[in-house]
Amino acid sequence: MDNAGSRRQPDLPDSGKMGVYPRNFPLSGLAELEPEWQDEVIEIITRPPVNQILKVSVYAPSVTDTVPIASVDKFPIPIAA
């Protein structure tokens, strides 16, 4: 029997106890989208309710390069199971 349907996501620890969980994720997939879709996605992820959990910022590895990144924050409200 396949257990794929019964898998569950691991519980995210408190942000102060991230352990091995990465804190920042590059949003590299945005570059693959058409410019109009990039704008739409940025608008969605930077407005409530998404921005209450997903924090978006920019990493600048050099003066000319920027990489959009995101981090997951603690849930501000209880989420029903």
PDB file of N, CA and C in Angstrom:
ATOM      1  N   MET A   1       0.835  -1.174   0.000  1.00  0.00           N
ATOM      2  CA  MET A   1       0.000   0.000   0.000  1.00  0.00           C
ATOM      3  C   MET A   1       0.884   1.243   0.000  1.00  0.00           C
ATOM      4  N   ASP A   2       0.503   2.230  -0.827  1.00  0.00           N
ATOM      5  CA  ASP A   2       1.289   3.460  -0.940  1.00  0.00           C
ATOM      6  C   ASP A   2       0.911   4.418   0.173  1.00  0.00           C
ATOM      7  N   ASN A   3       1.913   4.894   0.923  1.00  0.00           N
ATOM      8  CA  ASN A   3       1.666   5.819   2.026  1.00  0.00           C
ATOM      9  C   ASN A   3       1.785   7.272   1.613  1.00  0.00           C
ATOM     10  N   ALA A   4       1.927   7.541   0.312  1.00  0.00           N
ATOM     11  CA  ALA A   4       2.126   8.923  -0.133  1.00  0.00           C
ATOM     12  C   ALA A   4       0.993   9.827   0.319  1.00  0.00           C
ATOM     13  N   GLY A   5      -0.228   9.327   0.310  1.00  0.00           N
ATOM     14  CA  GLY A   5      -1.361  10.145   0.718  1.00  0.00           C
ATOM     15  C   GLY A   5      -1.408  10.399   2.209  1.00  0.00           C
ATOM     16  N   SER A   6      -0.705   9.585   2.999  1.00  0.00           N
ATOM     17  CA  SER A   6      -0.761   9.749   4.448  1.00  0.00           C
ATOM     18  C   SER A   6       0.417  10.554   4.994  1.00  0.00           C
ATOM     19  N   ARG A   7       1.323  10.990   4.120  1.00  0.00           N
ATOM     20  CA  ARG A   7       2.447  11.796   4.589  1.00  0.00           C
ATOM     21  C   ARG A   7       1.951  13.146   5.059  1.00  0.00           C
ATOM     22  N   ARG A   8       2.599  13.663   6.085  1.00  0.00           N
ATOM     23  CA  ARG A   8       2.241  14.996   6.552  1.00  0.00           C
ATOM     24  C   ARG A   8       3.495  15.839   6.653  1.00  0.00           C
ATOM     25  N   GLN A   9       3.313  17.123   6.540  1.00  0.00           N
ATOM     26  CA  GLN A   9       4.440  18.029   6.651  1.00  0.00           C
ATOM     27  C   GLN A   9       4.913  18.065   8.103  1.00  0.00           C
ATOM     28  N   PRO A  10       6.227  18.192   8.313  1.00  0.00           N
ATOM     29  CA  PRO A  10       6.710  18.294   9.691  1.00  0.00           C
ATOM     30  C   PRO A  10       6.244  19.603  10.314  1.00  0.00           C
ATOM     31  N   ASP A  11       6.022  19.579  11.620  1.00  0.00           N
ATOM     32  CA  ASP A  11       5.643  20.798  12.320  1.00  0.00           C
ATOM     33  C   ASP A  11       6.821  21.751  12.305  1.00  0.00           C
ATOM     34  N   LEU A  12       6.551  23.025  12.004  1.00  0.00           N
ATOM     35  CA  LEU A  12       7.619  24.013  12.025  1.00  0.00           C
ATOM     36  C   LEU A  12       7.901  24.403  13.468  1.00  0.00           C
ATOM     37  N   PRO A  13       9.153  24.420  13.862  1.00  0.00           N
ATOM     38  CA  PRO A  13       9.482  24.825  15.225  1.00  0.00           C
ATOM     39  C   PRO A  13       9.333  26.335  15.386  1.00  0.00           C
ATOM     40  N   ASP A  14       9.355  26.815  16.631  1.00  0.00           N
ATOM     41  CA  ASP A  14       9.344  28.250  16.885  1.00  0.00           C
ATOM     42  C   ASP A  14      10.516  28.884  16.154  1.00  0.00           C
ATOM     43  N   SER A  15      10.333  30.131  15.695  1.00  0.00           N
ATOM     44  CA  SER A  15      11.388  30.782  14.918  1.00  0.00           C
ATOM     45  C   SER A  15      12.690  30.900  15.711  1.00  0.00           C
ATOM     46  N   GLY A  16      12.630  30.945  17.037  1.00  0.00           N
ATOM     47  CA  GLY A  16      13.831  31.021  17.854  1.00  0.00           C
ATOM     48  C   GLY A  16      14.565  29.701  17.950  1.00  0.00           C
ATOM     49  N   LYS A  17      13.935  28.623  17.495  1.00  0.00           N
ATOM     50  CA  LYS A  17      14.517  27.290  17.579  1.00  0.00           C
ATOM     51  C   LYS A  17      14.501  26.633  16.206  1.00  0.00           C
ATOM     52  N   MET A  18      15.060  27.283  15.199  1.00  0.00           N
ATOM     53  CA  MET A  18      14.961  26.794  13.832  1.00  0.00           C
ATOM     54  C   MET A  18      15.785  25.535  13.593  1.00  0.00           C
ATOM     55  N   GLY A  19      16.820  25.302  14.354  1.00  0.00           N
ATOM     56  CA  GLY A  19      17.605  24.092  14.186  1.00  0.00           C
ATOM     57  C   GLY A  19      18.155  23.970  12.777  1.00  0.00           C
ATOM     58  N   VAL A  20      17.891  22.845  12.121  1.00  0.00           N
ATOM     59  CA  VAL A  20      18.422  22.607  10.789  1.00  0.00           C
ATOM     60  C   VAL A  20      17.547  23.194   9.688  1.00  0.00           C
ATOM     61  N   TYR A  21      16.434  23.779  10.027  1.00  0.00           N
ATOM     62  CA  TYR A  21      15.567  24.367   9.019  1.00  0.00           C
ATOM     63  C   TYR A  21      16.228  25.624   8.449  1.00  0.00           C
ATOM     64  N   PRO A  22      16.238  25.759   7.119  1.00  0.00           N
ATOM     65  CA  PRO A  22      16.797  26.985   6.556  1.00  0.00           C
ATOM     66  C   PRO A  22      15.927  28.186   6.897  1.00  0.00           C
ATOM     67  N   ARG A  23      16.535  29.302   7.142  1.00  0.00           N
ATOM     68  CA  ARG A  23      15.790  30.505   7.501  1.00  0.00           C
ATOM     69  C   ARG A  23      15.338  31.273   6.277  1.00  0.00           C
ATOM     70  N   ASN A  24      16.146  31.299   5.225  1.00  0.00           N
ATOM     71  CA  ASN A  24      15.823  32.062   4.032  1.00  0.00           C
ATOM     72  C   ASN A  24      15.813  31.148   2.815  1.00  0.00           C
ATOM     73  N   PHE A  25      14.864  31.413   1.933  1.00  0.00           N
ATOM     74  CA  PHE A  25      14.726  30.634   0.717  1.00  0.00           C
ATOM     75  C   PHE A  25      14.809  31.580  -0.478  1.00  0.00           C
ATOM     76  N   PRO A  26      15.663  31.303  -1.456  1.00  0.00           N
ATOM     77  CA  PRO A  26      15.695  32.160  -2.637  1.00  0.00           C
ATOM     78  C   PRO A  26      14.421  31.945  -3.452  1.00  0.00           C
ATOM     79  N   LEU A  27      13.874  33.027  -3.968  1.00  0.00           N
ATOM     80  CA  LEU A  27      12.689  32.945  -4.817  1.00  0.00           C
ATOM     81  C   LEU A  27      13.143  32.924  -6.280  1.00  0.00           C
ATOM     82  N   SER A  28      14.030  31.984  -6.577  1.00  0.00           N
ATOM     83  CA  SER A  28      14.645  31.911  -7.901  1.00  0.00           C
ATOM     84  C   SER A  28      13.650  31.599  -9.008  1.00  0.00           C
ATOM     85  N   GLY A  29      12.545  30.967  -8.694  1.00  0.00           N
ATOM     86  CA  GLY A  29      11.540  30.648  -9.702  1.00  0.00           C
ATOM     87  C   GLY A  29      10.872  31.871 -10.298  1.00  0.00           C
ATOM     88  N   LEU A  30      10.941  33.002  -9.613  1.00  0.00           N
ATOM     89  CA  LEU A  30      10.340  34.224 -10.149  1.00  0.00           C
ATOM     90  C   LEU A  30      10.959  34.610 -11.487  1.00  0.00           C
ATOM     91  N   ALA A  31      12.237  34.389 -11.656  1.00  0.00           N
ATOM     92  CA  ALA A  31      12.933  34.762 -12.885  1.00  0.00           C
ATOM     93  C   ALA A  31      12.412  33.987 -14.093  1.00  0.00           C
ATOM     94  N   GLU A  32      11.794  32.830 -13.861  1.00  0.00           N
ATOM     95  CA  GLU A  32      11.280  32.013 -14.955  1.00  0.00           C
ATOM     96  C   GLU A  32       9.907  32.477 -15.432  1.00  0.00           C
ATOM     97  N   LEU A  33       9.271  33.374 -14.684  1.00  0.00           N
ATOM     98  CA  LEU A  33       7.931  33.853 -15.030  1.00  0.00           C
ATOM     99  C   LEU A  33       7.999  35.062 -15.959  1.00  0.00           C
ATOM    100  N   GLU A  34       6.922  35.262 -16.709  1.00  0.00           N
ATOM    101  CA  GLU A  34       6.784  36.474 -17.510  1.00  0.00           C
ATOM    102  C   GLU A  34       6.749  37.670 -16.555  1.00  0.00           C
ATOM    103  N   PRO A  35       7.220  38.839 -16.978  1.00  0.00           N
ATOM    104  CA  PRO A  35       7.241  40.008 -16.087  1.00  0.00           C
ATOM    105  C   PRO A  35       5.889  40.330 -15.449  1.00  0.00           C
ATOM    106  N   GLU A  36       4.793  40.182 -16.195  1.00  0.00           N
ATOM    107  CA  GLU A  36       3.468  40.464 -15.617  1.00  0.00           C
ATOM    108  C   GLU A  36       3.161  39.499 -14.470  1.00  0.00           C
ATOM    109  N   TRP A  37       3.538  38.229 -14.648  1.00  0.00           N
ATOM    110  CA  TRP A  37       3.301  37.233 -13.602  1.00  0.00           C
ATOM    111  C   TRP A  37       4.215  37.477 -12.408  1.00  0.00           C
ATOM    112  N   GLN A  38       5.436  37.918 -12.655  1.00  0.00           N
ATOM    113  CA  GLN A  38       6.345  38.255 -11.555  1.00  0.00           C
ATOM    114  C   GLN A  38       5.708  39.323 -10.676  1.00  0.00           C
ATOM    115  N   ASP A  39       5.181  40.375 -11.315  1.00  0.00           N
ATOM    116  CA  ASP A  39       4.531  41.453 -10.566  1.00  0.00           C
ATOM    117  C   ASP A  39       3.340  40.939  -9.771  1.00  0.00           C
ATOM    118  N   GLU A  40       2.541  40.062 -10.393  1.00  0.00           N
ATOM    119  CA  GLU A  40       1.359  39.517  -9.732  1.00  0.00           C
ATOM    120  C   GLU A  40       1.746  38.679  -8.509  1.00  0.00           C
ATOM    121  N   VAL A  41       2.756  37.840  -8.671  1.00  0.00           N
ATOM    122  CA  VAL A  41       3.215  36.990  -7.563  1.00  0.00           C
ATOM    123  C   VAL A  41       3.766  37.845  -6.423  1.00  0.00           C
ATOM    124  N   ILE A  42       4.590  38.832  -6.745  1.00  0.00           N
ATOM    125  CA  ILE A  42       5.144  39.714  -5.717  1.00  0.00           C
ATOM    126  C   ILE A  42       4.018  40.420  -4.964  1.00  0.00           C
ATOM    127  N   GLU A  43       3.009  40.881  -5.701  1.00  0.00           N
ATOM    128  CA  GLU A  43       1.885  41.554  -5.046  1.00  0.00           C
ATOM    129  C   GLU A  43       1.149  40.615  -4.092  1.00  0.00           C
ATOM    130  N   ILE A  44       0.945  39.377  -4.507  1.00  0.00           N
ATOM    131  CA  ILE A  44       0.227  38.403  -3.672  1.00  0.00           C
ATOM    132  C   ILE A  44       1.013  38.059  -2.411  1.00  0.00           C
ATOM    133  N   ILE A  45       2.307  37.800  -2.553  1.00  0.00           N
ATOM    134  CA  ILE A  45       3.084  37.336  -1.390  1.00  0.00           C
ATOM    135  C   ILE A  45       3.499  38.455  -0.452  1.00  0.00           C
ATOM    136  N   THR A  46       3.292  39.709  -0.848  1.00  0.00           N
ATOM    137  CA  THR A  46       3.669  40.817   0.035  1.00  0.00           C
ATOM    138  C   THR A  46       2.462  41.512   0.655  1.00  0.00           C
ATOM    139  N   ARG A  47       1.283  40.902   0.522  1.00  0.00           N
ATOM    140  CA  ARG A  47       0.059  41.471   1.113  1.00  0.00           C
ATOM    141  C   ARG A  47      -0.571  40.459   2.068  1.00  0.00           C
ATOM    142  N   PRO A  48      -1.385  40.976   3.009  1.00  0.00           N
ATOM    143  CA  PRO A  48      -2.095  40.060   3.905  1.00  0.00           C
ATOM    144  C   PRO A  48      -3.042  39.159   3.117  1.00  0.00           C
ATOM    145  N   PRO A  49      -3.233  37.960   3.557  1.00  0.00           N
ATOM    146  CA  PRO A  49      -2.717  37.338   4.777  1.00  0.00           C
ATOM    147  C   PRO A  49      -1.367  36.651   4.588  1.00  0.00           C
ATOM    148  N   VAL A  50      -0.902  36.536   3.338  1.00  0.00           N
ATOM    149  CA  VAL A  50       0.348  35.800   3.080  1.00  0.00           C
ATOM    150  C   VAL A  50       1.533  36.441   3.788  1.00  0.00           C
ATOM    151  N   ASN A  51       1.618  37.778   3.768  1.00  0.00           N
ATOM    152  CA  ASN A  51       2.790  38.433   4.363  1.00  0.00           C
ATOM    153  C   ASN A  51       2.829  38.341   5.885  1.00  0.00           C
ATOM    154  N   GLN A  52       1.781  37.810   6.496  1.00  0.00           N
ATOM    155  CA  GLN A  52       1.806  37.583   7.943  1.00  0.00           C
ATOM    156  C   GLN A  52       2.647  36.355   8.285  1.00  0.00           C
ATOM    157  N   ILE A  53       2.861  35.494   7.302  1.00  0.00           N
ATOM    158  CA  ILE A  53       3.632  34.271   7.512  1.00  0.00           C
ATOM    159  C   ILE A  53       4.920  34.278   6.696  1.00  0.00           C
ATOM    160  N   LEU A  54       4.825  34.750   5.445  1.00  0.00           N
ATOM    161  CA  LEU A  54       5.967  34.757   4.538  1.00  0.00           C
ATOM    162  C   LEU A  54       6.566  36.157   4.485  1.00  0.00           C
ATOM    163  N   LYS A  55       7.805  36.282   4.896  1.00  0.00           N
ATOM    164  CA  LYS A  55       8.513  37.571   4.881  1.00  0.00           C
ATOM    165  C   LYS A  55       9.415  37.605   3.659  1.00  0.00           C
ATOM    166  N   VAL A  56       9.234  38.614   2.811  1.00  0.00           N
ATOM    167  CA  VAL A  56       9.992  38.728   1.566  1.00  0.00           C
ATOM    168  C   VAL A  56      10.998  39.869   1.688  1.00  0.00           C
ATOM    169  N   SER A  57      12.218  39.610   1.251  1.00  0.00           N
ATOM    170  CA  SER A  57      13.255  40.637   1.250  1.00  0.00           C
ATOM    171  C   SER A  57      14.210  40.365   0.089  1.00  0.00           C
ATOM    172  N   VAL A  58      15.315  41.068   0.055  1.00  0.00           N
ATOM    173  CA  VAL A  58      16.275  40.935  -1.038  1.00  0.00           C
ATOM    174  C   VAL A  58      17.672  40.705  -0.461  1.00  0.00           C
ATOM    175  N   TYR A  59      18.381  39.769  -1.062  1.00  0.00           N
ATOM    176  CA  TYR A  59      19.790  39.510  -0.738  1.00  0.00           C
ATOM    177  C   TYR A  59      20.619  40.087  -1.881  1.00  0.00           C
ATOM    178  N   ALA A  60      21.651  40.826  -1.558  1.00  0.00           N
ATOM    179  CA  ALA A  60      22.519  41.425  -2.573  1.00  0.00           C
ATOM    180  C   ALA A  60      23.909  40.810  -2.470  1.00  0.00           C
ATOM    181  N   PRO A  61      24.186  39.743  -3.255  1.00  0.00           N
ATOM    182  CA  PRO A  61      25.512  39.120  -3.194  1.00  0.00           C
ATOM    183  C   PRO A  61      26.616  40.016  -3.741  1.00  0.00           C
ATOM    184  N   SER A  62      26.252  41.005  -4.564  1.00  0.00           N
ATOM    185  CA  SER A  62      27.216  41.986  -5.057  1.00  0.00           C
ATOM    186  C   SER A  62      26.485  43.306  -5.284  1.00  0.00           C
ATOM    187  N   VAL A  63      27.200  44.310  -5.690  1.00  0.00           N
ATOM    188  CA  VAL A  63      26.601  45.626  -5.906  1.00  0.00           C
ATOM    189  C   VAL A  63      25.562  45.588  -7.028  1.00  0.00           C
ATOM    190  N   THR A  64      25.769  44.741  -8.021  1.00  0.00           N
ATOM    191  CA  THR A  64      24.880  44.714  -9.179  1.00  0.00           C
ATOM    192  C   THR A  64      23.860  43.581  -9.162  1.00  0.00           C
ATOM    193  N   ASP A  65      24.039  42.588  -8.309  1.00  0.00           N
ATOM    194  CA  ASP A  65      23.127  41.444  -8.265  1.00  0.00           C
ATOM    195  C   ASP A  65      22.226  41.498  -7.045  1.00  0.00           C
ATOM    196  N   THR A  66      20.951  41.174  -7.264  1.00  0.00           N
ATOM    197  CA  THR A  66      20.012  41.031  -6.150  1.00  0.00           C
ATOM    198  C   THR A  66      19.219  39.752  -6.350  1.00  0.00           C
ATOM    199  N   VAL A  67      18.906  39.104  -5.253  1.00  0.00           N
ATOM    200  CA  VAL A  67      18.141  37.870  -5.271  1.00  0.00           C
ATOM    201  C   VAL A  67      16.984  38.022  -4.293  1.00  0.00           C
ATOM    202  N   PRO A  68      15.734  37.901  -4.775  1.00  0.00           N
ATOM    203  CA  PRO A  68      14.626  37.957  -3.826  1.00  0.00           C
ATOM    204  C   PRO A  68      14.637  36.699  -2.952  1.00  0.00           C
ATOM    205  N   ILE A  69      14.419  36.873  -1.664  1.00  0.00           N
ATOM    206  CA  ILE A  69      14.393  35.746  -0.730  1.00  0.00           C
ATOM    207  C   ILE A  69      13.158  35.844   0.152  1.00  0.00           C
ATOM    208  N   ALA A  70      12.805  34.726   0.751  1.00  0.00           N
ATOM    209  CA  ALA A  70      11.660  34.692   1.659  1.00  0.00           C
ATOM    210  C   ALA A  70      12.012  33.848   2.867  1.00  0.00           C
ATOM    211  N   SER A  71      11.361  34.146   3.970  1.00  0.00           N
ATOM    212  CA  SER A  71      11.505  33.335   5.176  1.00  0.00           C
ATOM    213  C   SER A  71      10.118  33.114   5.762  1.00  0.00           C
ATOM    214  N   VAL A  72       9.965  31.995   6.440  1.00  0.00           N
ATOM    215  CA  VAL A  72       8.691  31.653   7.054  1.00  0.00           C
ATOM    216  C   VAL A  72       8.736  32.081   8.505  1.00  0.00           C
ATOM    217  N   ASP A  73       7.747  32.866   8.903  1.00  0.00           N
ATOM    218  CA  ASP A  73       7.645  33.357  10.271  1.00  0.00           C
ATOM    219  C   ASP A  73       6.665  32.477  11.036  1.00  0.00           C
ATOM    220  N   LYS A  74       6.575  32.703  12.326  1.00  0.00           N
ATOM    221  CA  LYS A  74       5.588  31.977  13.126  1.00  0.00           C
ATOM    222  C   LYS A  74       4.198  32.355  12.654  1.00  0.00           C
ATOM    223  N   PHE A  75       3.273  31.418  12.751  1.00  0.00           N
ATOM    224  CA  PHE A  75       1.892  31.692  12.389  1.00  0.00           C
ATOM    225  C   PHE A  75       1.297  32.676  13.382  1.00  0.00           C
ATOM    226  N   PRO A  76       0.718  33.799  12.905  1.00  0.00           N
ATOM    227  CA  PRO A  76       0.170  34.795  13.821  1.00  0.00           C
ATOM    228  C   PRO A  76      -1.149  34.388  14.469  1.00  0.00           C
ATOM    229  N   ILE A  77      -1.865  33.466  13.842  1.00  0.00           N
ATOM    230  CA  ILE A  77      -3.150  33.013  14.368  1.00  0.00           C
ATOM    231  C   ILE A  77      -3.193  31.508  14.323  1.00  0.00           C
ATOM    232  N   PRO A  78      -3.980  30.882  15.192  1.00  0.00           N
ATOM    233  CA  PRO A  78      -4.104  29.427  15.127  1.00  0.00           C
ATOM    234  C   PRO A  78      -4.708  28.998  13.801  1.00  0.00           C
ATOM    235  N   ILE A  79      -4.195  27.902  13.274  1.00  0.00           N
ATOM    236  CA  ILE A  79      -4.707  27.360  12.019  1.00  0.00           C
ATOM    237  C   ILE A  79      -5.439  26.063  12.322  1.00  0.00           C
ATOM    238  N   ALA A  80      -6.657  25.947  11.825  1.00  0.00           N
ATOM    239  CA  ALA A  80      -7.465  24.754  12.068  1.00  0.00           C
ATOM    240  C   ALA A  80      -6.829  23.547  11.379  1.00  0.00           C
ATOM    241  N   ALA A  81      -6.852  22.425  12.036  1.00  0.00           N
ATOM    242  CA  ALA A  81      -6.256  21.211  11.484  1.00  0.00           C
ATOM    243  C   ALA A  81      -7.176  20.543  10.499  1.00  0.00           C
TER     244      ALA A  81
END
